[in-house]
Amino acid sequence: MSPETEKKILIVGCAVAIPTLAYLFLRMAVQMNARQGSLTPGSTPVTVLTTSPTGPCRAVPHWDFHLRPQMQMGTENSQNYPVGTEVQILQAPQGALTRRGAKMYKVKVLRDGREGFIFLYDNEIVGDCRPA
């Protein structure tokens, strides 16, 4: 087999493997989310671990976000951060304050140490810190 043929086989293999792995990861995330169920009014709020065996829980929001000084829907007195800013989760969601399925968490912005509240989706939480 020529080196050119081997190179083409490798490229095709990667082109098939990468989307397959992405699909399997997404399927696993959807199944985990389905097992959590939904909250009804008056029920206990969903909680997450704030530490994992590998360290503190972290999240990487998939959009620009406002770091709010308190639990509130509005963005008054908030600080805006760009997409991809990594945060450490300090406190699991309290109460039922949600926005389009995202829950409000108390976090610490890792790049500047500021603390506040932001909305996060479960799939934005990194590592072993999964909603219970």
Protein backbone atom coordinates (compact mmCIF):
# COMPACT_ATOMS: atom_id res chain seq x y z
CA MET A 1 0.00 0.00 0.00
CA SER A 2 1.40 3.36 -0.97
CA PRO A 3 1.95 6.16 1.57
CA GLU A 4 -0.59 8.28 -0.29
CA THR A 5 -3.26 5.56 0.09
CA GLU A 6 -2.44 5.17 3.80
CA LYS A 7 -2.81 8.92 4.25
CA LYS A 8 -6.24 8.89 2.56
CA ILE A 9 -7.38 5.97 4.74
CA LEU A 10 -6.27 7.83 7.86
CA ILE A 11 -8.14 10.99 6.81
CA VAL A 12 -11.34 9.06 6.08
CA GLY A 13 -11.03 7.19 9.38
CA CYS A 14 -10.73 10.45 11.32
CA ALA A 15 -13.59 11.98 9.36
CA VAL A 16 -15.81 9.08 10.48
CA ALA A 17 -14.52 8.73 14.05
CA ILE A 18 -14.81 12.36 15.17
CA PRO A 19 -18.54 12.84 14.36
CA THR A 20 -19.28 9.38 15.78
CA LEU A 21 -17.63 10.26 19.09
CA ALA A 22 -19.46 13.59 19.19
CA TYR A 23 -22.78 11.82 18.58
CA LEU A 24 -22.11 9.26 21.33
CA PHE A 25 -21.15 11.98 23.80
CA LEU A 26 -24.30 13.96 22.99
CA ARG A 27 -26.47 10.84 23.31
CA MET A 28 -24.95 10.07 26.71
CA ALA A 29 -25.55 13.66 27.88
CA VAL A 30 -29.19 13.53 26.76
CA GLN A 31 -29.74 10.21 28.57
CA MET A 32 -28.20 11.57 31.77
CA ASN A 33 -30.39 14.66 31.55
CA ALA A 34 -33.51 12.54 31.00
CA ARG A 35 -32.79 10.51 34.16
CA GLN A 36 -32.81 13.65 36.29
CA GLY A 37 -36.50 14.25 35.79
CA SER A 38 -38.14 17.60 36.25
CA LEU A 39 -39.00 19.61 39.32
CA THR A 40 -42.53 20.36 40.31
CA PRO A 41 -43.51 23.44 42.32
CA GLY A 42 -42.65 22.94 45.99
CA SER A 43 -40.15 20.15 45.34
CA THR A 44 -36.51 20.15 46.41
CA PRO A 45 -34.24 22.08 44.03
CA VAL A 46 -31.71 20.24 41.90
CA THR A 47 -28.25 20.23 43.46
CA VAL A 48 -24.81 19.59 42.07
CA LEU A 49 -21.55 18.69 43.70
CA THR A 50 -19.35 21.70 44.29
CA THR A 51 -16.26 19.50 44.36
CA SER A 52 -15.31 16.37 42.49
CA PRO A 53 -12.57 13.78 43.02
CA THR A 54 -10.39 15.90 40.72
CA GLY A 55 -11.05 19.27 42.37
CA PRO A 56 -13.60 22.09 42.37
CA CYS A 57 -16.51 22.03 39.93
CA ARG A 58 -16.07 24.30 36.96
CA ALA A 59 -18.19 25.44 34.06
CA VAL A 60 -17.58 27.08 30.71
CA PRO A 61 -20.65 29.03 29.55
CA HIS A 62 -21.43 28.69 25.85
CA TRP A 63 -22.50 32.34 25.51
CA ASP A 64 -21.61 35.80 26.83
CA PHE A 65 -22.96 36.09 30.36
CA HIS A 66 -23.75 38.67 33.03
CA LEU A 67 -22.24 38.08 36.48
CA ARG A 68 -25.07 39.29 38.71
CA PRO A 69 -24.36 40.56 42.23
CA GLN A 70 -27.40 38.69 43.59
CA MET A 71 -29.99 36.14 42.48
CA GLN A 72 -32.06 38.17 40.03
CA MET A 73 -33.42 37.88 36.51
CA GLY A 74 -32.39 41.38 35.45
CA THR A 75 -28.85 42.46 34.62
CA GLU A 76 -28.72 45.64 36.71
CA ASN A 77 -25.28 46.19 38.31
CA SER A 78 -23.91 43.12 36.53
CA GLN A 79 -20.53 42.59 34.87
CA ASN A 80 -20.50 41.22 31.29
CA TYR A 81 -18.07 38.40 30.37
CA PRO A 82 -17.32 36.87 26.94
CA VAL A 83 -18.16 33.36 25.84
CA GLY A 84 -15.71 30.73 27.09
CA THR A 85 -14.87 32.48 30.39
CA GLU A 86 -14.26 29.67 32.89
CA VAL A 87 -15.98 29.82 36.29
CA GLN A 88 -15.83 27.77 39.48
CA ILE A 89 -19.19 26.70 40.93
CA LEU A 90 -19.47 27.86 44.54
CA GLN A 91 -23.08 26.97 45.23
CA ALA A 92 -25.65 24.69 43.66
CA PRO A 93 -28.89 26.20 42.34
CA GLN A 94 -31.16 27.53 45.06
CA GLY A 95 -34.90 27.86 44.52
CA ALA A 96 -36.52 27.74 41.14
CA LEU A 97 -34.94 30.71 39.32
CA THR A 98 -34.45 29.43 35.76
CA ARG A 99 -34.23 30.87 32.27
CA ARG A 100 -34.97 28.68 29.22
CA GLY A 101 -33.90 25.58 31.14
CA ALA A 102 -30.71 27.08 32.59
CA LYS A 103 -30.38 27.24 36.39
CA MET A 104 -28.80 30.05 38.39
CA TYR A 105 -25.53 29.17 40.16
CA LYS A 106 -23.27 31.14 42.46
CA VAL A 107 -19.84 31.18 40.79
CA LYS A 108 -16.36 32.64 40.94
CA VAL A 109 -14.84 33.92 37.68
CA LEU A 110 -11.40 32.28 37.54
CA ARG A 111 -9.65 35.01 35.56
CA ASP A 112 -10.38 37.85 38.01
CA GLY A 113 -11.77 36.24 41.19
CA ARG A 114 -15.13 38.05 41.14
CA GLU A 115 -18.11 36.20 42.60
CA GLY A 116 -21.75 36.41 41.62
CA PHE A 117 -24.63 34.55 40.00
CA ILE A 118 -25.04 33.29 36.41
CA PHE A 119 -27.36 30.99 34.49
CA LEU A 120 -25.81 27.66 33.43
CA TYR A 121 -27.11 24.66 31.53
CA ASP A 122 -26.19 21.20 32.86
CA ASN A 123 -24.04 20.49 29.78
CA GLU A 124 -21.83 23.49 30.56
CA ILE A 125 -20.67 21.95 33.84
CA VAL A 126 -17.25 20.34 33.39
CA GLY A 127 -15.91 17.12 34.88
CA ASP A 128 -17.47 14.90 37.53
CA CYS A 129 -19.86 17.56 38.82
CA ARG A 130 -23.15 16.31 37.49
CA PRO A 131 -26.60 17.35 38.68
CA ALA A 132 -28.06 14.89 41.19
